[in-house]
Amino acid sequence: MRIALLEDEQDQADLVCAWLTAAGHGCHAYLLGKDLVREAQRETFDMFLLDWEVPGMSGADVLIWIRANIAEPVPVLFVTARQREEDIVHALSSGADDYMIKPLGKLELLARIDALGRRARQRQKPDEGLLEFGPLIIDCPSRQVKLDGTEVAMTQKDYELALFLLRNIGRLLSRGHILEAVWGQSADINTRTVDTHVSRIRGKLQLTPERGWRLSAVYQHGYRLERVAVEARQRA
C-alpha cells in the first residue's frame, strides 16, 4: 500500500518508514500537517498514519480535512502519545479507523495496517479467478484479458496497469500512485510513461463511453476510470 505518515520527529518517521518499506509498503513521511495536506491535494494514498501533536496543523485537523476533501473512504490510523479516553473517542468519532498509543511496536503496527487494508479491499470487488465487466474479462491466474470473447495482446505493464485501474473503479489515482503500484517505488520512470500506457490500454480495451467506460485524465493529478450509466452512454 501507498501510505502517508505524519510524524514530526524525524528519527521516529525514519523508523516507521523503514518498518513499512521492509513489509512491502510505500511510505511518504511529512513533518508538518500542512505539507501532508498540500501533497494530498495532488497525490493519492491507500492509507494515512497520523500523529496528533505536530506543529501548526495538528493530526486531528488533518483528519477532519481528509474526511471533508477525499471522497474515497481511505483508512486513517492515529499513532500518538495521547491516551485519554476522550482523545480516543474524539479521534474515532472524527473519522479515524483505528488508534495506537506510542511507543509503537513494529509487529502490532504492521498487523493493524494489514487489518485496515483488508477491510478496505473487502469494500472493493474481490479478485477471484475471473474479473468480469460485461464483455471485458480478466483471468487473473493466467493473466489473460478478453474483450468480446477475443484475447487482447497485452504487455506485462499494460496488464498490471489495466488490473490496477479496474481494481480502483471510480477512484482518482495520481500518476505517482500509479507509478509506484505498477512500476515499483524505486523505478526511475517519469509520469509521461503512465500517460503513454493509459492511452494504449484505453484503445486496446475500448475504455470509451460507447462501451460503457470513461477513463479520464484529471488536470495536474492523474486518472479516474468510471462506469458510464446507460443514460449517459445514450447521450455520448
Protein backbone atom coordinates (compact mmCIF):
# COMPACT_ATOMS: atom_id res chain seq x y z
CA MET A 1 0.00 0.00 0.00
CA ARG A 2 1.00 3.61 -0.51
CA ILE A 3 0.96 5.15 2.98
CA ALA A 4 1.27 8.80 4.06
CA LEU A 5 2.83 9.26 7.51
CA LEU A 6 2.51 12.44 9.59
CA GLU A 7 5.24 12.43 12.25
CA ASP A 8 7.22 15.48 13.38
CA GLU A 9 10.09 13.53 14.97
CA GLN A 10 12.48 12.69 12.16
CA ASP A 11 14.01 9.63 13.86
CA GLN A 12 10.57 8.17 14.54
CA ALA A 13 9.45 8.89 10.98
CA ASP A 14 12.56 7.19 9.60
CA LEU A 15 11.99 4.15 11.81
CA VAL A 16 8.33 3.73 10.88
CA CYS A 17 9.11 4.19 7.19
CA ALA A 18 11.82 1.52 7.47
CA TRP A 19 9.30 -0.89 9.02
CA LEU A 20 6.73 -0.17 6.32
CA THR A 21 9.20 -0.43 3.47
CA ALA A 22 10.53 -3.76 4.74
CA ALA A 23 6.93 -5.02 4.87
CA GLY A 24 6.42 -4.11 1.21
CA HIS A 25 4.58 -0.80 1.60
CA GLY A 26 5.47 2.61 0.20
CA CYS A 27 5.97 5.25 2.89
CA HIS A 28 5.81 9.02 2.34
CA ALA A 29 6.64 10.92 5.53
CA TYR A 30 5.65 14.51 6.37
CA LEU A 31 6.81 16.50 9.38
CA LEU A 32 4.03 19.10 9.14
CA GLY A 33 0.30 18.68 8.71
CA LYS A 34 0.11 21.46 6.13
CA ASP A 35 2.71 19.67 3.99
CA LEU A 36 0.75 16.43 4.03
CA VAL A 37 -2.47 18.25 3.13
CA ARG A 38 -0.77 20.10 0.28
CA GLU A 39 0.57 16.82 -1.11
CA ALA A 40 -2.77 15.02 -0.65
CA GLN A 41 -4.38 17.59 -2.94
CA ARG A 42 -2.33 16.29 -5.87
CA GLU A 43 -1.31 12.77 -4.81
CA THR A 44 -3.34 9.76 -3.69
CA PHE A 45 -2.66 7.31 -0.87
CA ASP A 46 -4.09 3.99 0.31
CA MET A 47 -3.80 4.89 4.00
CA PHE A 48 -2.88 7.73 6.38
CA LEU A 49 -0.92 7.33 9.64
CA LEU A 50 -1.33 10.48 11.71
CA ASP A 51 0.43 11.71 14.82
CA TRP A 52 -1.77 14.10 16.80
CA GLU A 53 0.69 16.59 18.26
CA VAL A 54 2.64 18.14 15.41
CA PRO A 55 3.46 21.84 14.92
CA GLY A 56 0.86 24.00 13.22
CA MET A 57 -1.91 21.92 11.72
CA SER A 58 -2.47 19.01 14.12
CA GLY A 59 -3.16 15.42 13.18
CA ALA A 60 -6.76 15.91 14.35
CA ASP A 61 -7.10 18.86 11.94
CA VAL A 62 -5.60 16.80 9.12
CA LEU A 63 -8.11 14.03 9.82
CA ILE A 64 -11.01 16.48 9.53
CA TRP A 65 -9.54 17.77 6.24
CA ILE A 66 -9.18 14.22 4.87
CA ARG A 67 -12.78 13.30 5.62
CA ALA A 68 -14.07 16.58 4.17
CA ASN A 69 -11.98 16.58 0.99
CA ILE A 70 -11.18 12.99 -0.03
CA ALA A 71 -14.21 11.23 -1.41
CA GLU A 72 -12.79 7.71 -1.19
CA PRO A 73 -13.01 6.06 2.27
CA VAL A 74 -9.23 5.90 2.78
CA PRO A 75 -8.28 4.26 6.12
CA VAL A 76 -6.79 6.53 8.80
CA LEU A 77 -4.76 5.17 11.73
CA PHE A 78 -3.87 7.53 14.59
CA VAL A 79 -0.46 6.93 16.21
CA THR A 80 0.04 9.27 19.15
CA ALA A 81 1.14 9.58 22.75
CA ARG A 82 -2.33 10.81 23.76
CA GLN A 83 -4.10 8.07 25.69
CA ARG A 84 -7.02 9.77 27.46
CA GLU A 85 -10.35 8.13 26.69
CA GLU A 86 -11.83 11.41 25.47
CA ASP A 87 -8.96 11.83 22.97
CA ILE A 88 -9.50 8.34 21.58
CA VAL A 89 -13.26 8.92 21.32
CA HIS A 90 -12.69 12.28 19.60
CA ALA A 91 -10.36 10.75 17.01
CA LEU A 92 -12.65 7.82 16.25
CA SER A 93 -15.78 9.98 16.09
CA SER A 94 -13.96 12.39 13.75
CA GLY A 95 -13.38 9.60 11.26
CA ALA A 96 -10.27 7.66 12.34
CA ASP A 97 -10.49 3.91 11.72
CA ASP A 98 -8.08 2.86 14.46
CA TYR A 99 -5.93 4.34 17.22
CA MET A 100 -2.49 3.32 18.54
CA ILE A 101 -0.71 4.75 21.57
CA LYS A 102 3.05 5.38 21.49
CA PRO A 103 5.58 3.90 21.93
CA LEU A 104 4.79 1.85 18.87
CA GLY A 105 5.51 -1.83 18.48
CA LYS A 106 6.57 -2.88 14.99
CA LEU A 107 4.55 -6.10 14.79
CA GLU A 108 1.38 -4.56 16.21
CA LEU A 109 1.61 -1.58 13.86
CA LEU A 110 2.05 -3.79 10.81
CA ALA A 111 -0.80 -6.05 11.94
CA ARG A 112 -3.16 -3.10 12.35
CA ILE A 113 -2.16 -1.72 8.94
CA ASP A 114 -2.81 -5.11 7.34
CA ALA A 115 -6.20 -5.35 9.07
CA LEU A 116 -7.25 -1.90 7.85
CA GLY A 117 -6.02 -2.77 4.37
CA ARG A 118 -8.09 -5.96 4.34
CA ARG A 119 -11.20 -4.06 5.35
CA ALA A 120 -10.63 -1.53 2.60
CA ARG A 121 -10.12 -4.27 -0.01
CA GLN A 122 -13.30 -6.03 1.08
CA ARG A 123 -15.23 -2.93 0.02
CA GLN A 124 -13.88 -3.46 -3.49
CA LYS A 125 -14.69 -6.26 -5.93
CA PRO A 126 -12.74 -9.32 -4.75
CA ASP A 127 -10.09 -10.82 -7.03
CA GLU A 128 -11.29 -14.34 -7.76
CA GLY A 129 -10.40 -16.46 -10.76
CA LEU A 130 -12.12 -14.12 -13.18
CA LEU A 131 -12.92 -10.43 -13.08
CA GLU A 132 -15.90 -9.81 -15.33
CA PHE A 133 -17.03 -6.39 -16.55
CA GLY A 134 -19.60 -7.27 -19.19
CA PRO A 135 -17.72 -8.20 -22.38
CA LEU A 136 -14.36 -7.41 -20.70
CA ILE A 137 -12.98 -10.39 -18.78
CA ILE A 138 -9.69 -10.70 -16.92
CA ASP A 139 -8.42 -14.16 -15.98
CA CYS A 140 -6.11 -13.33 -13.06
CA PRO A 141 -4.36 -16.74 -12.71
CA SER A 142 -3.43 -16.83 -16.41
CA ARG A 143 -3.06 -13.02 -16.75
CA GLN A 144 -5.25 -13.21 -19.84
CA VAL A 145 -7.58 -10.45 -21.00
CA LYS A 146 -10.53 -10.99 -23.32
CA LEU A 147 -12.83 -8.46 -24.93
CA ASP A 148 -15.97 -9.74 -26.66
CA GLY A 149 -14.53 -13.25 -26.37
CA THR A 150 -11.27 -12.41 -28.15
CA GLU A 151 -7.95 -12.38 -26.33
CA VAL A 152 -6.28 -8.96 -26.20
CA ALA A 153 -2.49 -8.90 -26.56
CA MET A 154 -1.10 -7.07 -23.52
CA THR A 155 2.43 -6.34 -22.33
CA GLN A 156 3.17 -7.11 -18.69
CA LYS A 157 2.91 -3.45 -17.67
CA ASP A 158 -0.23 -2.86 -19.73
CA TYR A 159 -1.87 -5.81 -17.96
CA GLU A 160 -0.79 -4.63 -14.50
CA LEU A 161 -1.97 -1.08 -15.20
CA ALA A 162 -5.33 -2.29 -16.52
CA LEU A 163 -5.79 -4.51 -13.46
CA PHE A 164 -4.86 -1.67 -11.08
CA LEU A 165 -7.35 0.71 -12.70
CA LEU A 166 -10.12 -1.90 -12.73
CA ARG A 167 -9.50 -2.70 -9.06
CA ASN A 168 -9.98 1.00 -8.32
CA ILE A 169 -13.00 1.89 -10.43
CA GLY A 170 -14.31 5.33 -9.53
CA ARG A 171 -11.22 6.30 -7.57
CA LEU A 172 -8.99 9.21 -8.55
CA LEU A 173 -5.41 7.93 -8.77
CA SER A 174 -2.39 10.21 -9.02
CA ARG A 175 0.32 9.47 -11.57
CA GLY A 176 2.77 8.96 -8.70
CA HIS A 177 0.46 6.40 -7.11
CA ILE A 178 0.11 4.55 -10.42
CA LEU A 179 3.87 4.56 -10.97
CA GLU A 180 4.53 3.05 -7.54
CA ALA A 181 1.79 0.43 -7.86
CA VAL A 182 2.70 -0.74 -11.36
CA TRP A 183 6.40 0.05 -11.83
CA GLY A 184 7.57 -0.06 -8.20
CA GLN A 185 8.79 2.51 -5.69
CA SER A 186 12.35 2.73 -6.98
CA ALA A 187 11.56 2.85 -10.69
CA ASP A 188 13.37 5.70 -12.45
CA ILE A 189 10.49 6.49 -14.80
CA ASN A 190 8.74 9.78 -15.46
CA THR A 191 4.99 10.28 -15.41
CA ARG A 192 4.83 10.53 -19.21
CA THR A 193 5.22 6.75 -19.17
CA VAL A 194 1.91 6.50 -17.31
CA ASP A 195 0.19 8.68 -19.92
CA THR A 196 1.53 6.52 -22.76
CA HIS A 197 0.38 3.25 -21.20
CA VAL A 198 -3.04 4.65 -20.22
CA SER A 199 -3.60 5.80 -23.80
CA ARG A 200 -2.62 2.36 -25.07
CA ILE A 201 -4.93 0.35 -22.81
CA ARG A 202 -7.79 2.80 -23.42
CA GLY A 203 -7.57 1.79 -27.07
CA LYS A 204 -6.88 -1.92 -26.56
CA LEU A 205 -9.71 -2.44 -24.06
CA GLN A 206 -12.04 0.14 -25.66
CA LEU A 207 -12.49 2.03 -22.40
CA THR A 208 -14.77 4.59 -24.01
CA PRO A 209 -18.28 5.94 -23.27
CA GLU A 210 -19.63 3.99 -26.24
CA ARG A 211 -18.51 0.81 -24.48
CA GLY A 212 -19.70 1.87 -21.04
CA TRP A 213 -16.45 3.34 -19.66
CA ARG A 214 -14.89 6.71 -19.07
CA LEU A 215 -11.12 6.84 -18.45
CA SER A 216 -10.48 10.50 -17.68
CA ALA A 217 -7.28 12.46 -17.19
CA VAL A 218 -7.62 14.89 -14.28
CA TYR A 219 -5.52 18.00 -14.82
CA GLN A 220 -2.30 18.06 -12.76
CA HIS A 221 -3.37 14.96 -10.88
CA GLY A 222 -3.90 11.61 -12.56
CA TYR A 223 -6.65 9.36 -13.88
CA ARG A 224 -10.07 8.04 -12.93
CA LEU A 225 -11.76 5.02 -14.53
CA GLU A 226 -15.56 5.04 -14.24
CA ARG A 227 -18.51 3.03 -15.46
CA VAL A 228 -20.90 5.11 -17.54
CA ALA A 229 -24.63 4.76 -16.91
CA VAL A 230 -26.91 3.72 -19.76
CA GLU A 231 -28.47 7.17 -19.95
CA ALA A 232 -25.04 8.81 -20.17
CA ARG A 233 -23.97 6.40 -22.93
CA GLN A 234 -27.02 7.29 -24.95
CA ARG A 235 -26.14 10.99 -24.70
CA ALA A 236 -22.43 10.41 -25.54
